[in-house]
């Protein structure tokens, strides 16, 4: 019988800081404009965590039933792979977490718009449904997009644009052009974490037909691609500060790129896919750090 510890393991708690980075950045820009709402903040964080847990359950299930998670896989063993959870248990977990995600999304949308702005509410309900679809279809089903090299695109869209711009809109009720640049940064750094995962698993993925971008472009080109993601993310954060005419103290969030560029230097020297595993945590935590520093920078030094 599945234990609580098994479900915590399948939830992959270490992925959660990265998943909420976009919410922190969107909230930071809204708060800097004077829009604060504690209910929206809490519900945004809970909804995002629920989406991420759903995605983690589905990824564990999808890769497990396909045989992609096996003894050749580098990194932590998955719940299905290790026998901690059965296929039926994981399927039930996906269903329950999806329902929780939907309920939280509805509560969040109501908190932001009430019953007065129905078009906005409908739009965000559709976004919520698409988020759940994307969370599940990454590895589940015959046409799973993660097996066709589309994972990077979906991570950029949902971890970056939807997370940052969506949370910002929930507070403010309109878009702001400058907000696109931090959204691009968080999106690209999140893609970078996925890219490290794909660099690490390139050999196993190739064997099992998981045609990630790394499988398609190769390990060495994948490292160059990683560098491009990091550099453009850095530039986008700088552009935001220039557009908003931040004082020099307002650029403090760029300090997060000190460990990120140290990480990048290490990635470019790695020769074996197995050596990529420690770099995932470094970039994920550095991305979360950048979101926290971003909040502090534009709310207390601008």
C-alpha atoms as a PDB file:
ATOM      1  CA  UNK A   1       0.000   0.000   0.000  1.00  0.00           C
ATOM      2  CA  UNK A   2       1.292   3.447  -0.928  1.00  0.00           C
ATOM      3  CA  UNK A   3       2.548   5.477   2.009  1.00  0.00           C
ATOM      4  CA  UNK A   4       2.527   9.233   2.524  1.00  0.00           C
ATOM      5  CA  UNK A   5       6.300   9.165   2.072  1.00  0.00           C
ATOM      6  CA  UNK A   6       5.838   7.507  -1.331  1.00  0.00           C
ATOM      7  CA  UNK A   7       3.524  10.289  -2.489  1.00  0.00           C
ATOM      8  CA  UNK A   8       5.935  12.944  -1.239  1.00  0.00           C
ATOM      9  CA  UNK A   9       8.686  11.218  -3.191  1.00  0.00           C
ATOM     10  CA  UNK A  10       6.561  11.155  -6.354  1.00  0.00           C
ATOM     11  CA  UNK A  11       5.659  14.825  -5.861  1.00  0.00           C
ATOM     12  CA  UNK A  12       9.380  15.700  -6.255  1.00  0.00           C
ATOM     13  CA  UNK A  13       9.401  18.550  -3.750  1.00  0.00           C
ATOM     14  CA  UNK A  14      12.744  19.790  -5.049  1.00  0.00           C
ATOM     15  CA  UNK A  15      11.018  20.945  -8.257  1.00  0.00           C
ATOM     16  CA  UNK A  16       8.582  23.248  -6.437  1.00  0.00           C
ATOM     17  CA  UNK A  17      10.838  26.316  -5.916  1.00  0.00           C
ATOM     18  CA  UNK A  18      11.393  26.538  -9.673  1.00  0.00           C
ATOM     19  CA  UNK A  19       7.668  26.215 -10.376  1.00  0.00           C
ATOM     20  CA  UNK A  20       6.763  29.197  -8.175  1.00  0.00           C
ATOM     21  CA  UNK A  21       9.532  31.467  -9.476  1.00  0.00           C
ATOM     22  CA  UNK A  22       7.242  32.912 -12.140  1.00  0.00           C
ATOM     23  CA  UNK A  23       4.564  33.677  -9.544  1.00  0.00           C
ATOM     24  CA  UNK A  24       7.102  35.516  -7.386  1.00  0.00           C
ATOM     25  CA  UNK A  25       8.245  37.611 -10.370  1.00  0.00           C
ATOM     26  CA  UNK A  26       4.687  38.445 -11.487  1.00  0.00           C
ATOM     27  CA  UNK A  27       3.759  39.326  -7.913  1.00  0.00           C
ATOM     28  CA  UNK A  28       6.864  41.492  -7.582  1.00  0.00           C
ATOM     29  CA  UNK A  29       5.898  43.673 -10.538  1.00  0.00           C
ATOM     30  CA  UNK A  30       2.283  43.971  -9.369  1.00  0.00           C
ATOM     31  CA  UNK A  31       3.316  44.910  -5.828  1.00  0.00           C
ATOM     32  CA  UNK A  32       5.768  47.476  -7.168  1.00  0.00           C
ATOM     33  CA  UNK A  33       2.790  49.148  -8.879  1.00  0.00           C
ATOM     34  CA  UNK A  34       0.805  49.173  -5.638  1.00  0.00           C
ATOM     35  CA  UNK A  35      -1.432  46.174  -6.355  1.00  0.00           C
ATOM     36  CA  UNK A  36      -1.442  43.773  -3.404  1.00  0.00           C
ATOM     37  CA  UNK A  37      -3.864  40.967  -2.629  1.00  0.00           C
ATOM     38  CA  UNK A  38      -2.895  38.318  -0.094  1.00  0.00           C
ATOM     39  CA  UNK A  39      -5.630  35.951  -1.309  1.00  0.00           C
ATOM     40  CA  UNK A  40      -4.358  36.042  -4.888  1.00  0.00           C
ATOM     41  CA  UNK A  41      -0.800  35.457  -3.688  1.00  0.00           C
ATOM     42  CA  UNK A  42      -1.621  32.376  -1.613  1.00  0.00           C
ATOM     43  CA  UNK A  43      -3.989  30.880  -4.183  1.00  0.00           C
ATOM     44  CA  UNK A  44      -1.514  31.523  -7.020  1.00  0.00           C
ATOM     45  CA  UNK A  45       1.216  29.686  -5.133  1.00  0.00           C
ATOM     46  CA  UNK A  46      -1.058  26.789  -4.190  1.00  0.00           C
ATOM     47  CA  UNK A  47      -2.433  26.462  -7.722  1.00  0.00           C
ATOM     48  CA  UNK A  48       1.036  26.466  -9.246  1.00  0.00           C
ATOM     49  CA  UNK A  49       2.267  23.856  -6.785  1.00  0.00           C
ATOM     50  CA  UNK A  50      -0.781  21.698  -7.568  1.00  0.00           C
ATOM     51  CA  UNK A  51      -0.085  21.958 -11.309  1.00  0.00           C
ATOM     52  CA  UNK A  52       3.546  21.010 -10.731  1.00  0.00           C
ATOM     53  CA  UNK A  53       2.669  18.014  -8.568  1.00  0.00           C
ATOM     54  CA  UNK A  54       0.200  16.862 -11.242  1.00  0.00           C
ATOM     55  CA  UNK A  55       2.954  17.198 -13.827  1.00  0.00           C
ATOM     56  CA  UNK A  56       5.399  15.248 -11.664  1.00  0.00           C
ATOM     57  CA  UNK A  57       2.917  12.422 -11.093  1.00  0.00           C
ATOM     58  CA  UNK A  58       2.127  12.277 -14.811  1.00  0.00           C
ATOM     59  CA  UNK A  59       5.801  12.367 -15.790  1.00  0.00           C
ATOM     60  CA  UNK A  60       6.560   9.544 -13.381  1.00  0.00           C
ATOM     61  CA  UNK A  61       3.666   7.522 -14.800  1.00  0.00           C
ATOM     62  CA  UNK A  62       4.311   8.285 -18.473  1.00  0.00           C
ATOM     63  CA  UNK A  63       8.028   7.539 -18.448  1.00  0.00           C
ATOM     64  CA  UNK A  64       7.454   4.533 -16.197  1.00  0.00           C
ATOM     65  CA  UNK A  65       4.925   2.739 -18.397  1.00  0.00           C
ATOM     66  CA  UNK A  66       7.020   3.450 -21.501  1.00  0.00           C
ATOM     67  CA  UNK A  67      10.104   1.968 -19.870  1.00  0.00           C
ATOM     68  CA  UNK A  68      12.083   5.205 -20.211  1.00  0.00           C
ATOM     69  CA  UNK A  69      12.708   5.175 -16.457  1.00  0.00           C
ATOM     70  CA  UNK A  70      14.887   2.093 -15.997  1.00  0.00           C
ATOM     71  CA  UNK A  71      18.242   0.976 -14.617  1.00  0.00           C
ATOM     72  CA  UNK A  72      20.059   3.023 -17.301  1.00  0.00           C
ATOM     73  CA  UNK A  73      18.509   6.270 -16.131  1.00  0.00           C
ATOM     74  CA  UNK A  74      20.808   8.662 -14.277  1.00  0.00           C
ATOM     75  CA  UNK A  75      19.510  10.578 -11.287  1.00  0.00           C
ATOM     76  CA  UNK A  76      16.927   9.794  -8.590  1.00  0.00           C
ATOM     77  CA  UNK A  77      14.760   6.744  -9.212  1.00  0.00           C
ATOM     78  CA  UNK A  78      11.096   7.445  -9.878  1.00  0.00           C
ATOM     79  CA  UNK A  79       8.219   6.181  -7.749  1.00  0.00           C
ATOM     80  CA  UNK A  80       6.820   3.802 -10.381  1.00  0.00           C
ATOM     81  CA  UNK A  81      10.269   2.670 -11.491  1.00  0.00           C
ATOM     82  CA  UNK A  82      11.282   1.791  -7.926  1.00  0.00           C
ATOM     83  CA  UNK A  83       7.976   0.104  -7.063  1.00  0.00           C
ATOM     84  CA  UNK A  84       7.026   2.675  -4.424  1.00  0.00           C
ATOM     85  CA  UNK A  85       3.745   3.329  -6.293  1.00  0.00           C
ATOM     86  CA  UNK A  86       1.795   1.149  -8.716  1.00  0.00           C
ATOM     87  CA  UNK A  87       0.453   2.252 -12.093  1.00  0.00           C
ATOM     88  CA  UNK A  88      -3.107   2.331 -10.788  1.00  0.00           C
ATOM     89  CA  UNK A  89      -2.091   4.338  -7.726  1.00  0.00           C
ATOM     90  CA  UNK A  90      -0.276   6.908  -9.842  1.00  0.00           C
ATOM     91  CA  UNK A  91      -3.245   7.194 -12.222  1.00  0.00           C
ATOM     92  CA  UNK A  92      -5.489   7.875  -9.235  1.00  0.00           C
ATOM     93  CA  UNK A  93      -2.955  10.396  -7.956  1.00  0.00           C
ATOM     94  CA  UNK A  94      -2.977  12.219 -11.278  1.00  0.00           C
ATOM     95  CA  UNK A  95      -6.787  12.372 -11.188  1.00  0.00           C
ATOM     96  CA  UNK A  96      -6.939  13.651  -7.604  1.00  0.00           C
ATOM     97  CA  UNK A  97      -4.206  16.256  -8.099  1.00  0.00           C
ATOM     98  CA  UNK A  98      -5.898  17.412 -11.312  1.00  0.00           C
ATOM     99  CA  UNK A  99      -9.192  17.924  -9.471  1.00  0.00           C
ATOM    100  CA  UNK A 100      -7.409  19.818  -6.699  1.00  0.00           C
ATOM    101  CA  UNK A 101      -5.671  21.952  -9.336  1.00  0.00           C
ATOM    102  CA  UNK A 102      -8.996  22.793 -10.990  1.00  0.00           C
ATOM    103  CA  UNK A 103     -10.646  23.720  -7.685  1.00  0.00           C
ATOM    104  CA  UNK A 104      -7.714  25.921  -6.684  1.00  0.00           C
ATOM    105  CA  UNK A 105      -7.696  27.579 -10.115  1.00  0.00           C
ATOM    106  CA  UNK A 106     -11.411  28.348  -9.828  1.00  0.00           C
ATOM    107  CA  UNK A 107     -10.901  29.827  -6.356  1.00  0.00           C
ATOM    108  CA  UNK A 108      -7.992  31.917  -7.649  1.00  0.00           C
ATOM    109  CA  UNK A 109      -9.949  33.227 -10.624  1.00  0.00           C
ATOM    110  CA  UNK A 110     -12.938  34.091  -8.431  1.00  0.00           C
ATOM    111  CA  UNK A 111     -10.654  35.866  -5.962  1.00  0.00           C
ATOM    112  CA  UNK A 112      -9.189  37.970  -8.785  1.00  0.00           C
ATOM    113  CA  UNK A 113     -12.281  38.721 -10.866  1.00  0.00           C
ATOM    114  CA  UNK A 114     -15.359  37.797  -8.851  1.00  0.00           C
ATOM    115  CA  UNK A 115     -18.479  37.637 -10.997  1.00  0.00           C
ATOM    116  CA  UNK A 116     -17.965  41.028 -12.621  1.00  0.00           C
ATOM    117  CA  UNK A 117     -15.380  40.197 -15.272  1.00  0.00           C
ATOM    118  CA  UNK A 118     -16.698  37.028 -16.883  1.00  0.00           C
ATOM    119  CA  UNK A 119     -14.561  37.234 -20.078  1.00  0.00           C
ATOM    120  CA  UNK A 120     -11.364  37.413 -18.002  1.00  0.00           C
ATOM    121  CA  UNK A 121     -12.579  34.544 -15.810  1.00  0.00           C
ATOM    122  CA  UNK A 122     -13.337  32.370 -18.829  1.00  0.00           C
ATOM    123  CA  UNK A 123      -9.950  33.143 -20.378  1.00  0.00           C
ATOM    124  CA  UNK A 124      -8.105  32.099 -17.221  1.00  0.00           C
ATOM    125  CA  UNK A 125     -10.263  28.995 -16.843  1.00  0.00           C
ATOM    126  CA  UNK A 126      -9.153  27.992 -20.334  1.00  0.00           C
ATOM    127  CA  UNK A 127      -5.538  28.693 -19.357  1.00  0.00           C
ATOM    128  CA  UNK A 128      -5.991  26.514 -16.282  1.00  0.00           C
ATOM    129  CA  UNK A 129      -7.410  23.668 -18.361  1.00  0.00           C
ATOM    130  CA  UNK A 130      -4.531  23.988 -20.824  1.00  0.00           C
ATOM    131  CA  UNK A 131      -2.047  23.943 -17.928  1.00  0.00           C
ATOM    132  CA  UNK A 132      -3.456  20.645 -16.673  1.00  0.00           C
ATOM    133  CA  UNK A 133      -3.457  19.241 -20.197  1.00  0.00           C
ATOM    134  CA  UNK A 134       0.176  20.285 -20.662  1.00  0.00           C
ATOM    135  CA  UNK A 135       1.146  18.846 -17.268  1.00  0.00           C
ATOM    136  CA  UNK A 136      -0.269  15.442 -18.170  1.00  0.00           C
ATOM    137  CA  UNK A 137       0.478  15.203 -21.877  1.00  0.00           C
ATOM    138  CA  UNK A 138       4.201  15.854 -21.494  1.00  0.00           C
ATOM    139  CA  UNK A 139       4.872  12.122 -21.201  1.00  0.00           C
ATOM    140  CA  UNK A 140       1.426  10.463 -21.093  1.00  0.00           C
ATOM    141  CA  UNK A 141      -0.280   9.144 -24.215  1.00  0.00           C
ATOM    142  CA  UNK A 142       0.804   8.082 -27.690  1.00  0.00           C
ATOM    143  CA  UNK A 143       1.243  11.697 -28.802  1.00  0.00           C
ATOM    144  CA  UNK A 144       3.062  12.912 -25.673  1.00  0.00           C
ATOM    145  CA  UNK A 145       4.774  16.121 -26.732  1.00  0.00           C
ATOM    146  CA  UNK A 146       7.803  15.504 -24.528  1.00  0.00           C
ATOM    147  CA  UNK A 147       8.702  12.599 -26.806  1.00  0.00           C
ATOM    148  CA  UNK A 148       8.583  14.840 -29.879  1.00  0.00           C
ATOM    149  CA  UNK A 149      11.004  17.545 -28.783  1.00  0.00           C
ATOM    150  CA  UNK A 150       8.321  20.052 -27.750  1.00  0.00           C
ATOM    151  CA  UNK A 151       8.978  20.043 -24.022  1.00  0.00           C
ATOM    152  CA  UNK A 152      11.182  23.125 -24.188  1.00  0.00           C
ATOM    153  CA  UNK A 153       8.483  25.169 -25.910  1.00  0.00           C
ATOM    154  CA  UNK A 154       5.790  24.218 -23.402  1.00  0.00           C
ATOM    155  CA  UNK A 155       8.046  24.880 -20.409  1.00  0.00           C
ATOM    156  CA  UNK A 156       8.875  28.324 -21.790  1.00  0.00           C
ATOM    157  CA  UNK A 157       5.200  29.113 -22.336  1.00  0.00           C
ATOM    158  CA  UNK A 158       3.819  27.854 -19.014  1.00  0.00           C
ATOM    159  CA  UNK A 159       6.736  28.414 -16.604  1.00  0.00           C
ATOM    160  CA  UNK A 160       7.593  31.767 -18.168  1.00  0.00           C
ATOM    161  CA  UNK A 161       4.912  33.648 -20.070  1.00  0.00           C
ATOM    162  CA  UNK A 162       1.788  32.159 -18.479  1.00  0.00           C
ATOM    163  CA  UNK A 163       3.191  32.070 -14.945  1.00  0.00           C
ATOM    164  CA  UNK A 164       4.680  35.580 -14.883  1.00  0.00           C
ATOM    165  CA  UNK A 165       2.240  37.467 -17.098  1.00  0.00           C
ATOM    166  CA  UNK A 166      -0.755  35.519 -15.831  1.00  0.00           C
ATOM    167  CA  UNK A 167      -0.044  36.187 -12.167  1.00  0.00           C
ATOM    168  CA  UNK A 168       0.700  39.844 -12.932  1.00  0.00           C
ATOM    169  CA  UNK A 169      -2.637  40.202 -14.737  1.00  0.00           C
ATOM    170  CA  UNK A 170      -4.542  38.605 -11.846  1.00  0.00           C
ATOM    171  CA  UNK A 171      -3.387  41.445  -9.602  1.00  0.00           C
ATOM    172  CA  UNK A 172      -3.455  44.367 -12.009  1.00  0.00           C
ATOM    173  CA  UNK A 173      -6.145  43.509 -14.550  1.00  0.00           C
ATOM    174  CA  UNK A 174      -4.104  44.515 -17.599  1.00  0.00           C
ATOM    175  CA  UNK A 175      -0.840  43.698 -19.328  1.00  0.00           C
ATOM    176  CA  UNK A 176       2.355  45.718 -19.298  1.00  0.00           C
ATOM    177  CA  UNK A 177       4.896  45.474 -22.108  1.00  0.00           C
ATOM    178  CA  UNK A 178       7.919  45.607 -19.802  1.00  0.00           C
ATOM    179  CA  UNK A 179       6.646  42.559 -17.910  1.00  0.00           C
ATOM    180  CA  UNK A 180       7.383  40.407 -20.949  1.00  0.00           C
ATOM    181  CA  UNK A 181      11.146  40.609 -20.346  1.00  0.00           C
ATOM    182  CA  UNK A 182      11.234  39.005 -16.867  1.00  0.00           C
ATOM    183  CA  UNK A 183       8.739  36.442 -18.176  1.00  0.00           C
ATOM    184  CA  UNK A 184      11.188  35.567 -20.951  1.00  0.00           C
ATOM    185  CA  UNK A 185      14.025  35.306 -18.425  1.00  0.00           C
ATOM    186  CA  UNK A 186      12.187  32.957 -16.059  1.00  0.00           C
ATOM    187  CA  UNK A 187      10.884  30.943 -19.002  1.00  0.00           C
ATOM    188  CA  UNK A 188      14.344  30.445 -20.499  1.00  0.00           C
ATOM    189  CA  UNK A 189      15.944  29.560 -17.163  1.00  0.00           C
ATOM    190  CA  UNK A 190      13.173  27.002 -16.611  1.00  0.00           C
ATOM    191  CA  UNK A 191      13.867  25.581 -20.074  1.00  0.00           C
ATOM    192  CA  UNK A 192      17.498  25.434 -18.983  1.00  0.00           C
ATOM    193  CA  UNK A 193      16.575  23.133 -16.092  1.00  0.00           C
ATOM    194  CA  UNK A 194      14.673  20.855 -18.479  1.00  0.00           C
ATOM    195  CA  UNK A 195      17.616  20.986 -20.869  1.00  0.00           C
ATOM    196  CA  UNK A 196      19.972  19.791 -18.137  1.00  0.00           C
ATOM    197  CA  UNK A 197      17.599  16.918 -17.456  1.00  0.00           C
ATOM    198  CA  UNK A 198      17.642  16.038 -21.149  1.00  0.00           C
ATOM    199  CA  UNK A 199      21.429  16.356 -21.361  1.00  0.00           C
ATOM    200  CA  UNK A 200      21.743  13.998 -18.413  1.00  0.00           C
ATOM    201  CA  UNK A 201      19.307  11.441 -19.869  1.00  0.00           C
ATOM    202  CA  UNK A 202      20.297  11.733 -23.538  1.00  0.00           C
ATOM    203  CA  UNK A 203      21.523   8.143 -23.901  1.00  0.00           C
ATOM    204  CA  UNK A 204      18.516   6.558 -22.181  1.00  0.00           C
ATOM    205  CA  UNK A 205      16.070   8.858 -24.008  1.00  0.00           C
ATOM    206  CA  UNK A 206      17.609   7.940 -27.362  1.00  0.00           C
ATOM    207  CA  UNK A 207      17.196   4.231 -26.692  1.00  0.00           C
ATOM    208  CA  UNK A 208      13.538   4.591 -25.724  1.00  0.00           C
ATOM    209  CA  UNK A 209      12.488   6.944 -28.506  1.00  0.00           C
ATOM    210  CA  UNK A 210      12.135  10.054 -26.366  1.00  0.00           C
ATOM    211  CA  UNK A 211      13.214  12.510 -29.042  1.00  0.00           C
ATOM    212  CA  UNK A 212      14.047  15.559 -26.951  1.00  0.00           C
ATOM    213  CA  UNK A 213      15.853  18.475 -28.538  1.00  0.00           C
ATOM    214  CA  UNK A 214      19.089  17.109 -27.079  1.00  0.00           C
ATOM    215  CA  UNK A 215      18.540  13.734 -28.740  1.00  0.00           C
ATOM    216  CA  UNK A 216      17.963  15.589 -32.002  1.00  0.00           C
ATOM    217  CA  UNK A 217      20.859  18.064 -31.775  1.00  0.00           C
ATOM    218  CA  UNK A 218      23.405  16.019 -29.844  1.00  0.00           C
ATOM    219  CA  UNK A 219      25.156  16.407 -26.496  1.00  0.00           C
ATOM    220  CA  UNK A 220      27.782  18.993 -27.481  1.00  0.00           C
ATOM    221  CA  UNK A 221      25.347  21.240 -29.351  1.00  0.00           C
ATOM    222  CA  UNK A 222      23.007  20.870 -26.396  1.00  0.00           C
ATOM    223  CA  UNK A 223      25.584  22.535 -24.171  1.00  0.00           C
ATOM    224  CA  UNK A 224      25.828  25.469 -26.585  1.00  0.00           C
ATOM    225  CA  UNK A 225      22.032  25.666 -26.617  1.00  0.00           C
ATOM    226  CA  UNK A 226      22.145  25.794 -22.811  1.00  0.00           C
ATOM    227  CA  UNK A 227      24.552  28.722 -22.921  1.00  0.00           C
ATOM    228  CA  UNK A 228      22.240  30.579 -25.311  1.00  0.00           C
ATOM    229  CA  UNK A 229      19.286  30.080 -22.941  1.00  0.00           C
ATOM    230  CA  UNK A 230      21.225  31.470 -19.974  1.00  0.00           C
ATOM    231  CA  UNK A 231      22.697  34.454 -21.833  1.00  0.00           C
ATOM    232  CA  UNK A 232      19.360  35.540 -23.343  1.00  0.00           C
ATOM    233  CA  UNK A 233      17.716  35.188 -19.916  1.00  0.00           C
ATOM    234  CA  UNK A 234      20.400  37.479 -18.475  1.00  0.00           C
ATOM    235  CA  UNK A 235      19.958  40.035 -21.264  1.00  0.00           C
ATOM    236  CA  UNK A 236      16.160  40.017 -20.882  1.00  0.00           C
ATOM    237  CA  UNK A 237      16.466  40.790 -17.178  1.00  0.00           C
ATOM    238  CA  UNK A 238      18.818  43.676 -18.007  1.00  0.00           C
ATOM    239  CA  UNK A 239      16.436  45.022 -20.650  1.00  0.00           C
ATOM    240  CA  UNK A 240      13.619  45.086 -18.093  1.00  0.00           C
ATOM    241  CA  UNK A 241      15.710  47.214 -15.752  1.00  0.00           C
ATOM    242  CA  UNK A 242      16.605  49.591 -18.573  1.00  0.00           C
ATOM    243  CA  UNK A 243      13.008  49.921 -19.776  1.00  0.00           C
ATOM    244  CA  UNK A 244      11.818  50.605 -16.228  1.00  0.00           C
ATOM    245  CA  UNK A 245      14.778  52.964 -15.663  1.00  0.00           C
ATOM    246  CA  UNK A 246      15.770  51.271 -12.419  1.00  0.00           C
ATOM    247  CA  UNK A 247      18.454  52.850 -10.230  1.00  0.00           C
ATOM    248  CA  UNK A 248      21.626  50.826  -9.919  1.00  0.00           C
ATOM    249  CA  UNK A 249      20.379  49.278  -6.661  1.00  0.00           C
ATOM    250  CA  UNK A 250      17.328  48.036  -8.533  1.00  0.00           C
ATOM    251  CA  UNK A 251      19.537  45.706 -10.572  1.00  0.00           C
ATOM    252  CA  UNK A 252      20.461  43.712  -7.469  1.00  0.00           C
ATOM    253  CA  UNK A 253      18.533  40.723  -8.830  1.00  0.00           C
ATOM    254  CA  UNK A 254      21.315  40.214 -11.364  1.00  0.00           C
ATOM    255  CA  UNK A 255      23.476  38.914  -8.499  1.00  0.00           C
ATOM    256  CA  UNK A 256      21.645  35.607  -8.953  1.00  0.00           C
ATOM    257  CA  UNK A 257      23.536  35.215 -12.219  1.00  0.00           C
ATOM    258  CA  UNK A 258      26.860  34.894 -10.386  1.00  0.00           C
ATOM    259  CA  UNK A 259      26.118  31.257  -9.441  1.00  0.00           C
ATOM    260  CA  UNK A 260      24.265  30.799 -12.751  1.00  0.00           C
ATOM    261  CA  UNK A 261      27.304  31.752 -14.822  1.00  0.00           C
ATOM    262  CA  UNK A 262      29.531  29.626 -12.570  1.00  0.00           C
ATOM    263  CA  UNK A 263      27.125  26.791 -13.289  1.00  0.00           C
ATOM    264  CA  UNK A 264      27.288  27.510 -17.031  1.00  0.00           C
ATOM    265  CA  UNK A 265      31.076  27.397 -17.011  1.00  0.00           C
ATOM    266  CA  UNK A 266      30.883  23.975 -15.387  1.00  0.00           C
ATOM    267  CA  UNK A 267      28.273  22.708 -17.890  1.00  0.00           C
ATOM    268  CA  UNK A 268      30.421  23.695 -20.863  1.00  0.00           C
ATOM    269  CA  UNK A 269      33.332  21.617 -19.542  1.00  0.00           C
ATOM    270  CA  UNK A 270      31.322  18.460 -18.808  1.00  0.00           C
ATOM    271  CA  UNK A 271      32.041  15.507 -21.084  1.00  0.00           C
ATOM    272  CA  UNK A 272      29.782  12.809 -19.618  1.00  0.00           C
ATOM    273  CA  UNK A 273      25.972  13.099 -19.379  1.00  0.00           C
ATOM    274  CA  UNK A 274      25.991  11.608 -15.854  1.00  0.00           C
ATOM    275  CA  UNK A 275      27.913  14.647 -14.603  1.00  0.00           C
ATOM    276  CA  UNK A 276      24.965  16.927 -15.422  1.00  0.00           C
ATOM    277  CA  UNK A 277      22.787  15.722 -12.551  1.00  0.00           C
ATOM    278  CA  UNK A 278      24.139  18.041  -9.802  1.00  0.00           C
ATOM    279  CA  UNK A 279      23.696  21.027 -12.131  1.00  0.00           C
ATOM    280  CA  UNK A 280      19.889  20.716 -12.169  1.00  0.00           C
ATOM    281  CA  UNK A 281      19.564  21.708  -8.524  1.00  0.00           C
ATOM    282  CA  UNK A 282      22.055  24.560  -8.960  1.00  0.00           C
ATOM    283  CA  UNK A 283      20.137  26.191 -11.803  1.00  0.00           C
ATOM    284  CA  UNK A 284      16.691  25.538 -10.299  1.00  0.00           C
ATOM    285  CA  UNK A 285      17.637  27.113  -6.961  1.00  0.00           C
ATOM    286  CA  UNK A 286      19.482  29.985  -8.662  1.00  0.00           C
ATOM    287  CA  UNK A 287      16.372  30.706 -10.741  1.00  0.00           C
ATOM    288  CA  UNK A 288      14.280  30.822  -7.568  1.00  0.00           C
ATOM    289  CA  UNK A 289      16.936  33.075  -6.014  1.00  0.00           C
ATOM    290  CA  UNK A 290      16.679  35.415  -8.995  1.00  0.00           C
ATOM    291  CA  UNK A 291      12.912  35.696  -8.477  1.00  0.00           C
ATOM    292  CA  UNK A 292      13.309  36.502  -4.776  1.00  0.00           C
ATOM    293  CA  UNK A 293      16.037  39.075  -5.454  1.00  0.00           C
ATOM    294  CA  UNK A 294      13.864  40.524  -8.225  1.00  0.00           C
ATOM    295  CA  UNK A 295      11.035  41.036  -5.737  1.00  0.00           C
ATOM    296  CA  UNK A 296      13.346  42.706  -3.216  1.00  0.00           C
ATOM    297  CA  UNK A 297      15.071  44.844  -5.861  1.00  0.00           C
ATOM    298  CA  UNK A 298      12.026  46.437  -7.469  1.00  0.00           C
ATOM    299  CA  UNK A 299       9.981  46.760  -4.270  1.00  0.00           C
ATOM    300  CA  UNK A 300      12.595  48.082  -1.882  1.00  0.00           C
ATOM    301  CA  UNK A 301      15.209  49.785  -4.095  1.00  0.00           C
ATOM    302  CA  UNK A 302      13.021  51.368  -6.770  1.00  0.00           C
END
